[in-house]
Amino acid sequence: MRRLAPLALLLALAGCQSTDQLLAGGDAAAIRTAESRARFEMNCPAAAGSMLSSRVVIPEDMRRAIDRAEYTVGVAGCGQRAVYIVACPLGDPNCIAVRQGG
């Protein structure tokens, strides 16, 4: 029964949306977040991102974590390329991006 609680929460948050629709709704925010971080780190205003993959993450311990969408975004510009992992709490456009591989 405890394993079903996260799924029930996800379905409640998503309303009638499928997981794919839920993830697609956050694509633009995830790409913007990765591009913003990359433009600063690469010192490249022309850096542009593209979605590589996405998934919903439901934490095991519901008391300490937040259900979130996790996106992998590739960003390229000024002769440089980087991959960012972007996490967005479900239903919240405020995301964080971390460069993968340092």
PDB file of N, CA and C in Angstrom:
ATOM      1  N   MET A   1       0.817  -1.200   0.000  1.00  0.00           N
ATOM      2  CA  MET A   1       0.000   0.000   0.000  1.00  0.00           C
ATOM      3  C   MET A   1       0.860   1.263   0.000  1.00  0.00           C
ATOM      4  N   ARG A   2       1.991   1.237   0.748  1.00  0.00           N
ATOM      5  CA  ARG A   2       2.867   2.414   0.788  1.00  0.00           C
ATOM      6  C   ARG A   2       3.436   2.744  -0.578  1.00  0.00           C
ATOM      7  N   ARG A   3       3.653   1.745  -1.403  1.00  0.00           N
ATOM      8  CA  ARG A   3       4.204   1.983  -2.733  1.00  0.00           C
ATOM      9  C   ARG A   3       3.189   2.658  -3.653  1.00  0.00           C
ATOM     10  N   LEU A   4       1.922   2.506  -3.369  1.00  0.00           N
ATOM     11  CA  LEU A   4       0.896   3.121  -4.198  1.00  0.00           C
ATOM     12  C   LEU A   4       0.673   4.590  -3.866  1.00  0.00           C
ATOM     13  N   ALA A   5       1.066   5.025  -2.674  1.00  0.00           N
ATOM     14  CA  ALA A   5       0.852   6.415  -2.269  1.00  0.00           C
ATOM     15  C   ALA A   5       1.533   7.408  -3.207  1.00  0.00           C
ATOM     16  N   PRO A   6       2.809   7.209  -3.585  1.00  0.00           N
ATOM     17  CA  PRO A   6       3.429   8.166  -4.521  1.00  0.00           C
ATOM     18  C   PRO A   6       2.715   8.213  -5.865  1.00  0.00           C
ATOM     19  N   LEU A   7       2.266   7.062  -6.346  1.00  0.00           N
ATOM     20  CA  LEU A   7       1.551   7.034  -7.617  1.00  0.00           C
ATOM     21  C   LEU A   7       0.234   7.790  -7.502  1.00  0.00           C
ATOM     22  N   ALA A   8      -0.469   7.598  -6.400  1.00  0.00           N
ATOM     23  CA  ALA A   8      -1.726   8.316  -6.183  1.00  0.00           C
ATOM     24  C   ALA A   8      -1.492   9.820  -6.130  1.00  0.00           C
ATOM     25  N   LEU A   9      -0.410  10.242  -5.471  1.00  0.00           N
ATOM     26  CA  LEU A   9      -0.079  11.662  -5.397  1.00  0.00           C
ATOM     27  C   LEU A   9       0.220  12.218  -6.784  1.00  0.00           C
ATOM     28  N   LEU A  10       0.990  11.484  -7.561  1.00  0.00           N
ATOM     29  CA  LEU A  10       1.317  11.921  -8.917  1.00  0.00           C
ATOM     30  C   LEU A  10       0.050  12.082  -9.744  1.00  0.00           C
ATOM     31  N   LEU A  11      -0.849  11.116  -9.657  1.00  0.00           N
ATOM     32  CA  LEU A  11      -2.093  11.205 -10.419  1.00  0.00           C
ATOM     33  C   LEU A  11      -2.947  12.381  -9.965  1.00  0.00           C
ATOM     34  N   ALA A  12      -2.956  12.646  -8.667  1.00  0.00           N
ATOM     35  CA  ALA A  12      -3.725  13.782  -8.150  1.00  0.00           C
ATOM     36  C   ALA A  12      -3.142  15.100  -8.652  1.00  0.00           C
ATOM     37  N   LEU A  13      -1.815  15.218  -8.654  1.00  0.00           N
ATOM     38  CA  LEU A  13      -1.166  16.440  -9.131  1.00  0.00           C
ATOM     39  C   LEU A  13      -1.375  16.631 -10.627  1.00  0.00           C
ATOM     40  N   ALA A  14      -1.368  15.546 -11.340  1.00  0.00           N
ATOM     41  CA  ALA A  14      -1.457  15.621 -12.791  1.00  0.00           C
ATOM     42  C   ALA A  14      -2.888  15.816 -13.283  1.00  0.00           C
ATOM     43  N   GLY A  15      -3.872  15.578 -12.427  1.00  0.00           N
ATOM     44  CA  GLY A  15      -5.261  15.667 -12.876  1.00  0.00           C
ATOM     45  C   GLY A  15      -5.509  14.624 -13.936  1.00  0.00           C
ATOM     46  N   CYS A  16      -5.962  15.035 -15.078  1.00  0.00           N
ATOM     47  CA  CYS A  16      -6.244  14.095 -16.164  1.00  0.00           C
ATOM     48  C   CYS A  16      -5.087  13.990 -17.143  1.00  0.00           C
ATOM     49  N   GLN A  17      -3.978  14.596 -16.846  1.00  0.00           N
ATOM     50  CA  GLN A  17      -2.838  14.569 -17.751  1.00  0.00           C
ATOM     51  C   GLN A  17      -2.100  13.237 -17.665  1.00  0.00           C
ATOM     52  N   SER A  18      -1.597  12.780 -18.797  1.00  0.00           N
ATOM     53  CA  SER A  18      -0.730  11.608 -18.801  1.00  0.00           C
ATOM     54  C   SER A  18       0.660  12.054 -18.357  1.00  0.00           C
ATOM     55  N   THR A  19       1.523  11.107 -18.031  1.00  0.00           N
ATOM     56  CA  THR A  19       2.896  11.438 -17.642  1.00  0.00           C
ATOM     57  C   THR A  19       3.595  12.194 -18.765  1.00  0.00           C
ATOM     58  N   ASP A  20       3.379  11.754 -20.011  1.00  0.00           N
ATOM     59  CA  ASP A  20       4.002  12.435 -21.149  1.00  0.00           C
ATOM     60  C   ASP A  20       3.543  13.882 -21.256  1.00  0.00           C
ATOM     61  N   GLN A  21       2.262  14.127 -21.028  1.00  0.00           N
ATOM     62  CA  GLN A  21       1.736  15.498 -21.089  1.00  0.00           C
ATOM     63  C   GLN A  21       2.307  16.335 -19.949  1.00  0.00           C
ATOM     64  N   LEU A  22       2.421  15.732 -18.779  1.00  0.00           N
ATOM     65  CA  LEU A  22       2.974  16.429 -17.624  1.00  0.00           C
ATOM     66  C   LEU A  22       4.413  16.847 -17.896  1.00  0.00           C
ATOM     67  N   LEU A  23       5.202  15.926 -18.444  1.00  0.00           N
ATOM     68  CA  LEU A  23       6.597  16.231 -18.758  1.00  0.00           C
ATOM     69  C   LEU A  23       6.702  17.274 -19.868  1.00  0.00           C
ATOM     70  N   ALA A  24       5.889  17.132 -20.897  1.00  0.00           N
ATOM     71  CA  ALA A  24       5.936  18.077 -22.022  1.00  0.00           C
ATOM     72  C   ALA A  24       5.598  19.487 -21.566  1.00  0.00           C
ATOM     73  N   GLY A  25       4.739  19.616 -20.561  1.00  0.00           N
ATOM     74  CA  GLY A  25       4.377  20.933 -20.043  1.00  0.00           C
ATOM     75  C   GLY A  25       5.542  21.671 -19.414  1.00  0.00           C
ATOM     76  N   GLY A  26       6.561  20.953 -18.989  1.00  0.00           N
ATOM     77  CA  GLY A  26       7.727  21.575 -18.364  1.00  0.00           C
ATOM     78  C   GLY A  26       8.930  21.692 -19.271  1.00  0.00           C
ATOM     79  N   ASP A  27       8.821  21.193 -20.503  1.00  0.00           N
ATOM     80  CA  ASP A  27       9.953  21.221 -21.441  1.00  0.00           C
ATOM     81  C   ASP A  27      10.542  22.615 -21.618  1.00  0.00           C
ATOM     82  N   ALA A  28       9.690  23.591 -21.897  1.00  0.00           N
ATOM     83  CA  ALA A  28      10.167  24.949 -22.187  1.00  0.00           C
ATOM     84  C   ALA A  28      10.903  25.551 -20.989  1.00  0.00           C
ATOM     85  N   ALA A  29      10.356  25.374 -19.781  1.00  0.00           N
ATOM     86  CA  ALA A  29      11.016  25.904 -18.577  1.00  0.00           C
ATOM     87  C   ALA A  29      12.351  25.227 -18.347  1.00  0.00           C
ATOM     88  N   ALA A  30      12.413  23.923 -18.590  1.00  0.00           N
ATOM     89  CA  ALA A  30      13.669  23.187 -18.402  1.00  0.00           C
ATOM     90  C   ALA A  30      14.733  23.654 -19.391  1.00  0.00           C
ATOM     91  N   ILE A  31      14.353  23.821 -20.639  1.00  0.00           N
ATOM     92  CA  ILE A  31      15.311  24.279 -21.647  1.00  0.00           C
ATOM     93  C   ILE A  31      15.773  25.702 -21.338  1.00  0.00           C
ATOM     94  N   ARG A  32      14.859  26.588 -20.958  1.00  0.00           N
ATOM     95  CA  ARG A  32      15.234  27.971 -20.598  1.00  0.00           C
ATOM     96  C   ARG A  32      16.219  27.980 -19.429  1.00  0.00           C
ATOM     97  N   THR A  33      15.962  27.134 -18.430  1.00  0.00           N
ATOM     98  CA  THR A  33      16.840  27.081 -17.258  1.00  0.00           C
ATOM     99  C   THR A  33      18.234  26.608 -17.650  1.00  0.00           C
ATOM    100  N   ALA A  34      18.308  25.556 -18.455  1.00  0.00           N
ATOM    101  CA  ALA A  34      19.609  25.034 -18.892  1.00  0.00           C
ATOM    102  C   ALA A  34      20.341  26.055 -19.766  1.00  0.00           C
ATOM    103  N   GLU A  35      19.611  26.705 -20.672  1.00  0.00           N
ATOM    104  CA  GLU A  35      20.235  27.712 -21.531  1.00  0.00           C
ATOM    105  C   GLU A  35      20.790  28.871 -20.713  1.00  0.00           C
ATOM    106  N   SER A  36      20.036  29.329 -19.749  1.00  0.00           N
ATOM    107  CA  SER A  36      20.487  30.445 -18.914  1.00  0.00           C
ATOM    108  C   SER A  36      21.780  30.090 -18.180  1.00  0.00           C
ATOM    109  N   ARG A  37      21.806  28.921 -17.592  1.00  0.00           N
ATOM    110  CA  ARG A  37      23.005  28.477 -16.869  1.00  0.00           C
ATOM    111  C   ARG A  37      24.184  28.316 -17.825  1.00  0.00           C
ATOM    112  N   ALA A  38      23.939  27.708 -18.990  1.00  0.00           N
ATOM    113  CA  ALA A  38      25.003  27.481 -19.964  1.00  0.00           C
ATOM    114  C   ALA A  38      25.541  28.788 -20.530  1.00  0.00           C
ATOM    115  N   ARG A  39      24.670  29.730 -20.804  1.00  0.00           N
ATOM    116  CA  ARG A  39      25.126  31.017 -21.347  1.00  0.00           C
ATOM    117  C   ARG A  39      26.088  31.699 -20.388  1.00  0.00           C
ATOM    118  N   PHE A  40      25.807  31.587 -19.099  1.00  0.00           N
ATOM    119  CA  PHE A  40      26.707  32.157 -18.096  1.00  0.00           C
ATOM    120  C   PHE A  40      28.009  31.358 -18.021  1.00  0.00           C
ATOM    121  N   GLU A  41      27.906  30.041 -17.863  1.00  0.00           N
ATOM    122  CA  GLU A  41      29.099  29.212 -17.698  1.00  0.00           C
ATOM    123  C   GLU A  41      29.999  29.199 -18.934  1.00  0.00           C
ATOM    124  N   MET A  42      29.394  29.229 -20.115  1.00  0.00           N
ATOM    125  CA  MET A  42      30.159  29.197 -21.361  1.00  0.00           C
ATOM    126  C   MET A  42      30.558  30.598 -21.827  1.00  0.00           C
ATOM    127  N   ASN A  43      29.992  31.621 -21.178  1.00  0.00           N
ATOM    128  CA  ASN A  43      30.175  33.001 -21.627  1.00  0.00           C
ATOM    129  C   ASN A  43      29.793  33.108 -23.103  1.00  0.00           C
ATOM    130  N   CYS A  44      28.591  32.571 -23.390  1.00  0.00           N
ATOM    131  CA  CYS A  44      28.136  32.471 -24.775  1.00  0.00           C
ATOM    132  C   CYS A  44      26.651  32.812 -24.862  1.00  0.00           C
ATOM    133  N   PRO A  45      26.317  34.058 -25.215  1.00  0.00           N
ATOM    134  CA  PRO A  45      24.907  34.460 -25.308  1.00  0.00           C
ATOM    135  C   PRO A  45      24.118  33.688 -26.373  1.00  0.00           C
ATOM    136  N   ALA A  46      24.821  33.069 -27.324  1.00  0.00           N
ATOM    137  CA  ALA A  46      24.139  32.356 -28.410  1.00  0.00           C
ATOM    138  C   ALA A  46      23.850  30.886 -28.078  1.00  0.00           C
ATOM    139  N   ALA A  47      24.228  30.415 -26.910  1.00  0.00           N
ATOM    140  CA  ALA A  47      24.022  29.006 -26.556  1.00  0.00           C
ATOM    141  C   ALA A  47      22.536  28.653 -26.633  1.00  0.00           C
ATOM    142  N   ALA A  48      22.241  27.512 -27.263  1.00  0.00           N
ATOM    143  CA  ALA A  48      20.851  27.063 -27.437  1.00  0.00           C
ATOM    144  C   ALA A  48      20.724  25.612 -26.994  1.00  0.00           C
ATOM    145  N   GLY A  49      19.589  25.317 -26.354  1.00  0.00           N
ATOM    146  CA  GLY A  49      19.387  23.982 -25.801  1.00  0.00           C
ATOM    147  C   GLY A  49      18.382  23.157 -26.570  1.00  0.00           C
ATOM    148  N   SER A  50      18.480  21.845 -26.366  1.00  0.00           N
ATOM    149  CA  SER A  50      17.502  20.916 -26.928  1.00  0.00           C
ATOM    150  C   SER A  50      17.280  19.780 -25.931  1.00  0.00           C
ATOM    151  N   MET A  51      16.058  19.299 -25.884  1.00  0.00           N
ATOM    152  CA  MET A  51      15.678  18.253 -24.948  1.00  0.00           C
ATOM    153  C   MET A  51      16.267  16.919 -25.391  1.00  0.00           C
ATOM    154  N   LEU A  52      16.954  16.242 -24.478  1.00  0.00           N
ATOM    155  CA  LEU A  52      17.498  14.925 -24.774  1.00  0.00           C
ATOM    156  C   LEU A  52      16.626  13.817 -24.180  1.00  0.00           C
ATOM    157  N   SER A  53      16.156  14.022 -22.945  1.00  0.00           N
ATOM    158  CA  SER A  53      15.279  13.030 -22.314  1.00  0.00           C
ATOM    159  C   SER A  53      14.556  13.665 -21.128  1.00  0.00           C
ATOM    160  N   SER A  54      13.536  12.965 -20.647  1.00  0.00           N
ATOM    161  CA  SER A  54      12.798  13.445 -19.480  1.00  0.00           C
ATOM    162  C   SER A  54      12.170  12.264 -18.758  1.00  0.00           C
ATOM    163  N   ARG A  55      11.922  12.464 -17.453  1.00  0.00           N
ATOM    164  CA  ARG A  55      11.270  11.433 -16.651  1.00  0.00           C
ATOM    165  C   ARG A  55      10.689  12.070 -15.399  1.00  0.00           C
ATOM    166  N   VAL A  56       9.719  11.388 -14.799  1.00  0.00           N
ATOM    167  CA  VAL A  56       9.157  11.818 -13.522  1.00  0.00           C
ATOM    168  C   VAL A  56       9.873  11.037 -12.430  1.00  0.00           C
ATOM    169  N   VAL A  57      10.289  11.743 -11.387  1.00  0.00           N
ATOM    170  CA  VAL A  57      10.969  11.117 -10.257  1.00  0.00           C
ATOM    171  C   VAL A  57      10.043  11.195  -9.052  1.00  0.00           C
ATOM    172  N   ILE A  58       9.719  10.027  -8.506  1.00  0.00           N
ATOM    173  CA  ILE A  58       8.893   9.954  -7.307  1.00  0.00           C
ATOM    174  C   ILE A  58       9.763   9.392  -6.197  1.00  0.00           C
ATOM    175  N   PRO A  59      10.109  10.214  -5.213  1.00  0.00           N
ATOM    176  CA  PRO A  59      11.006   9.761  -4.156  1.00  0.00           C
ATOM    177  C   PRO A  59      10.385   8.661  -3.291  1.00  0.00           C
ATOM    178  N   GLU A  60      11.248   7.790  -2.787  1.00  0.00           N
ATOM    179  CA  GLU A  60      10.809   6.714  -1.884  1.00  0.00           C
ATOM    180  C   GLU A  60      10.286   7.288  -0.573  1.00  0.00           C
ATOM    181  N   ASP A  61      11.017   8.255  -0.009  1.00  0.00           N
ATOM    182  CA  ASP A  61      10.653   8.835   1.283  1.00  0.00           C
ATOM    183  C   ASP A  61       9.867  10.117   1.044  1.00  0.00           C
ATOM    184  N   MET A  62       8.564  10.031   1.091  1.00  0.00           N
ATOM    185  CA  MET A  62       7.701  11.166   0.772  1.00  0.00           C
ATOM    186  C   MET A  62       7.789  12.303   1.789  1.00  0.00           C
ATOM    187  N   ARG A  63       8.334  12.046   2.976  1.00  0.00           N
ATOM    188  CA  ARG A  63       8.406  13.089   4.001  1.00  0.00           C
ATOM    189  C   ARG A  63       9.539  14.074   3.727  1.00  0.00           C
ATOM    190  N   ARG A  64      10.535  13.684   2.960  1.00  0.00           N
ATOM    191  CA  ARG A  64      11.736  14.521   2.807  1.00  0.00           C
ATOM    192  C   ARG A  64      12.018  14.976   1.389  1.00  0.00           C
ATOM    193  N   ALA A  65      11.222  14.589   0.459  1.00  0.00           N
ATOM    194  CA  ALA A  65      11.545  14.911  -0.928  1.00  0.00           C
ATOM    195  C   ALA A  65      10.301  15.409  -1.662  1.00  0.00           C
ATOM    196  N   ILE A  66      10.550  15.930  -2.854  1.00  0.00           N
ATOM    197  CA  ILE A  66       9.488  16.512  -3.669  1.00  0.00           C
ATOM    198  C   ILE A  66       9.399  15.731  -4.977  1.00  0.00           C
ATOM    199  N   ASP A  67       8.182  15.378  -5.383  1.00  0.00           N
ATOM    200  CA  ASP A  67       8.007  14.783  -6.705  1.00  0.00           C
ATOM    201  C   ASP A  67       8.466  15.809  -7.728  1.00  0.00           C
ATOM    202  N   ARG A  68       9.199  15.338  -8.709  1.00  0.00           N
ATOM    203  CA  ARG A  68       9.736  16.297  -9.664  1.00  0.00           C
ATOM    204  C   ARG A  68       9.862  15.673 -11.051  1.00  0.00           C
ATOM    205  N   ALA A  69       9.932  16.542 -12.018  1.00  0.00           N
ATOM    206  CA  ALA A  69      10.265  16.144 -13.373  1.00  0.00           C
ATOM    207  C   ALA A  69      11.759  16.390 -13.535  1.00  0.00           C
ATOM    208  N   GLU A  70      12.422  15.454 -14.168  1.00  0.00           N
ATOM    209  CA  GLU A  70      13.864  15.587 -14.386  1.00  0.00           C
ATOM    210  C   GLU A  70      14.119  15.525 -15.891  1.00  0.00           C
ATOM    211  N   TYR A  71      14.827  16.515 -16.382  1.00  0.00           N
ATOM    212  CA  TYR A  71      15.094  16.642 -17.812  1.00  0.00           C
ATOM    213  C   TYR A  71      16.600  16.616 -18.061  1.00  0.00           C
ATOM    214  N   THR A  72      16.992  16.021 -19.173  1.00  0.00           N
ATOM    215  CA  THR A  72      18.378  16.090 -19.626  1.00  0.00           C
ATOM    216  C   THR A  72      18.365  16.977 -20.865  1.00  0.00           C
ATOM    217  N   VAL A  73      19.114  18.084 -20.778  1.00  0.00           N
ATOM    218  CA  VAL A  73      19.098  19.085 -21.847  1.00  0.00           C
ATOM    219  C   VAL A  73      20.522  19.278 -22.373  1.00  0.00           C
ATOM    220  N   GLY A  74      20.681  19.181 -23.678  1.00  0.00           N
ATOM    221  CA  GLY A  74      21.965  19.463 -24.314  1.00  0.00           C
ATOM    222  C   GLY A  74      21.984  20.921 -24.747  1.00  0.00           C
ATOM    223  N   VAL A  75      23.116  21.590 -24.493  1.00  0.00           N
ATOM    224  CA  VAL A  75      23.251  22.997 -24.877  1.00  0.00           C
ATOM    225  C   VAL A  75      24.546  23.152 -25.670  1.00  0.00           C
ATOM    226  N   ALA A  76      24.460  23.875 -26.790  1.00  0.00           N
ATOM    227  CA  ALA A  76      25.633  24.092 -27.635  1.00  0.00           C
ATOM    228  C   ALA A  76      25.698  25.551 -28.068  1.00  0.00           C
ATOM    229  N   GLY A  77      26.934  26.048 -28.226  1.00  0.00           N
ATOM    230  CA  GLY A  77      27.142  27.404 -28.705  1.00  0.00           C
ATOM    231  C   GLY A  77      28.588  27.819 -28.546  1.00  0.00           C
ATOM    232  N   CYS A  78      29.044  28.709 -29.408  1.00  0.00           N
ATOM    233  CA  CYS A  78      30.406  29.248 -29.342  1.00  0.00           C
ATOM    234  C   CYS A  78      31.451  28.134 -29.334  1.00  0.00           C
ATOM    235  N   GLY A  79      31.202  27.079 -30.104  1.00  0.00           N
ATOM    236  CA  GLY A  79      32.156  25.979 -30.200  1.00  0.00           C
ATOM    237  C   GLY A  79      32.203  25.082 -28.968  1.00  0.00           C
ATOM    238  N   GLN A  80      31.229  25.205 -28.084  1.00  0.00           N
ATOM    239  CA  GLN A  80      31.196  24.399 -26.865  1.00  0.00           C
ATOM    240  C   GLN A  80      29.885  23.627 -26.791  1.00  0.00           C
ATOM    241  N   ARG A  81      29.923  22.506 -26.047  1.00  0.00           N
ATOM    242  CA  ARG A  81      28.721  21.705 -25.813  1.00  0.00           C
ATOM    243  C   ARG A  81      28.727  21.229 -24.370  1.00  0.00           C
ATOM    244  N   ALA A  82      27.544  21.138 -23.783  1.00  0.00           N
ATOM    245  CA  ALA A  82      27.420  20.644 -22.406  1.00  0.00           C
ATOM    246  C   ALA A  82      26.054  19.996 -22.234  1.00  0.00           C
ATOM    247  N   VAL A  83      25.975  19.121 -21.250  1.00  0.00           N
ATOM    248  CA  VAL A  83      24.717  18.466 -20.909  1.00  0.00           C
ATOM    249  C   VAL A  83      24.349  18.884 -19.496  1.00  0.00           C
ATOM    250  N   TYR A  84      23.087  19.255 -19.295  1.00  0.00           N
ATOM    251  CA  TYR A  84      22.587  19.688 -17.994  1.00  0.00           C
ATOM    252  C   TYR A  84      21.441  18.788 -17.550  1.00  0.00           C
ATOM    253  N   ILE A  85      21.431  18.475 -16.270  1.00  0.00           N
ATOM    254  CA  ILE A  85      20.296  17.809 -15.644  1.00  0.00           C
ATOM    255  C   ILE A  85      19.467  18.919 -14.999  1.00  0.00           C
ATOM    256  N   VAL A  86      18.214  19.009 -15.377  1.00  0.00           N
ATOM    257  CA  VAL A  86      17.324  20.057 -14.879  1.00  0.00           C
ATOM    258  C   VAL A  86      16.200  19.399 -14.078  1.00  0.00           C
ATOM    259  N   ALA A  87      16.009  19.852 -12.854  1.00  0.00           N
ATOM    260  CA  ALA A  87      14.945  19.332 -11.991  1.00  0.00           C
ATOM    261  C   ALA A  87      13.905  20.421 -11.761  1.00  0.00           C
ATOM    262  N   CYS A  88      12.638  20.056 -11.956  1.00  0.00           N
ATOM    263  CA  CYS A  88      11.521  20.984 -11.768  1.00  0.00           C
ATOM    264  C   CYS A  88      10.482  20.306 -10.877  1.00  0.00           C
ATOM    265  N   PRO A  89      10.140  20.904  -9.732  1.00  0.00           N
ATOM    266  CA  PRO A  89       9.063  20.327  -8.928  1.00  0.00           C
ATOM    267  C   PRO A  89       7.788  20.249  -9.780  1.00  0.00           C
ATOM    268  N   LEU A  90       7.032  19.173  -9.639  1.00  0.00           N
ATOM    269  CA  LEU A  90       5.814  19.026 -10.446  1.00  0.00           C
ATOM    270  C   LEU A  90       4.870  20.190 -10.206  1.00  0.00           C
ATOM    271  N   GLY A  91       4.414  20.776 -11.292  1.00  0.00           N
ATOM    272  CA  GLY A  91       3.483  21.890 -11.210  1.00  0.00           C
ATOM    273  C   GLY A  91       4.129  23.226 -10.891  1.00  0.00           C
ATOM    274  N   ASP A  92       5.457  23.302 -10.952  1.00  0.00           N
ATOM    275  CA  ASP A  92       6.184  24.525 -10.587  1.00  0.00           C
ATOM    276  C   ASP A  92       7.205  24.831 -11.679  1.00  0.00           C
ATOM    277  N   PRO A  93       7.166  26.023 -12.296  1.00  0.00           N
ATOM    278  CA  PRO A  93       8.102  26.343 -13.367  1.00  0.00           C
ATOM    279  C   PRO A  93       9.507  26.732 -12.889  1.00  0.00           C
ATOM    280  N   ASN A  94       9.725  26.770 -11.569  1.00  0.00           N
ATOM    281  CA  ASN A  94      11.033  27.145 -11.036  1.00  0.00           C
ATOM    282  C   ASN A  94      11.924  25.916 -10.971  1.00  0.00           C
ATOM    283  N   CYS A  95      12.888  25.869 -11.880  1.00  0.00           N
ATOM    284  CA  CYS A  95      13.749  24.703 -12.036  1.00  0.00           C
ATOM    285  C   CYS A  95      15.187  25.032 -11.640  1.00  0.00           C
ATOM    286  N   ILE A  96      15.971  23.971 -11.425  1.00  0.00           N
ATOM    287  CA  ILE A  96      17.407  24.149 -11.194  1.00  0.00           C
ATOM    288  C   ILE A  96      18.150  23.282 -12.206  1.00  0.00           C
ATOM    289  N   ALA A  97      19.316  23.767 -12.627  1.00  0.00           N
ATOM    290  CA  ALA A  97      20.117  23.034 -13.610  1.00  0.00           C
ATOM    291  C   ALA A  97      21.511  22.797 -13.048  1.00  0.00           C
ATOM    292  N   VAL A  98      22.012  21.588 -13.276  1.00  0.00           N
ATOM    293  CA  VAL A  98      23.365  21.216 -12.863  1.00  0.00           C
ATOM    294  C   VAL A  98      24.061  20.613 -14.072  1.00  0.00           C
ATOM    295  N   ARG A  99      25.273  21.076 -14.325  1.00  0.00           N
ATOM    296  CA  ARG A  99      26.031  20.568 -15.456  1.00  0.00           C
ATOM    297  C   ARG A  99      26.476  19.140 -15.173  1.00  0.00           C
ATOM    298  N   GLN A 100      26.204  18.256 -16.122  1.00  0.00           N
ATOM    299  CA  GLN A 100      26.588  16.866 -15.959  1.00  0.00           C
ATOM    300  C   GLN A 100      28.046  16.687 -16.359  1.00  0.00           C
ATOM    301  N   GLY A 101      28.760  15.941 -15.555  1.00  0.00           N
ATOM    302  CA  GLY A 101      30.154  15.648 -15.865  1.00  0.00           C
ATOM    303  C   GLY A 101      31.114  16.777 -15.513  1.00  0.00           C
ATOM    304  N   GLY A 102      30.652  17.725 -14.718  1.00  0.00           N
ATOM    305  CA  GLY A 102      31.528  18.797 -14.221  1.00  0.00           C
ATOM    306  C   GLY A 102      31.937  19.683 -15.275  1.00  0.00           C
TER     307      GLY A 102
END
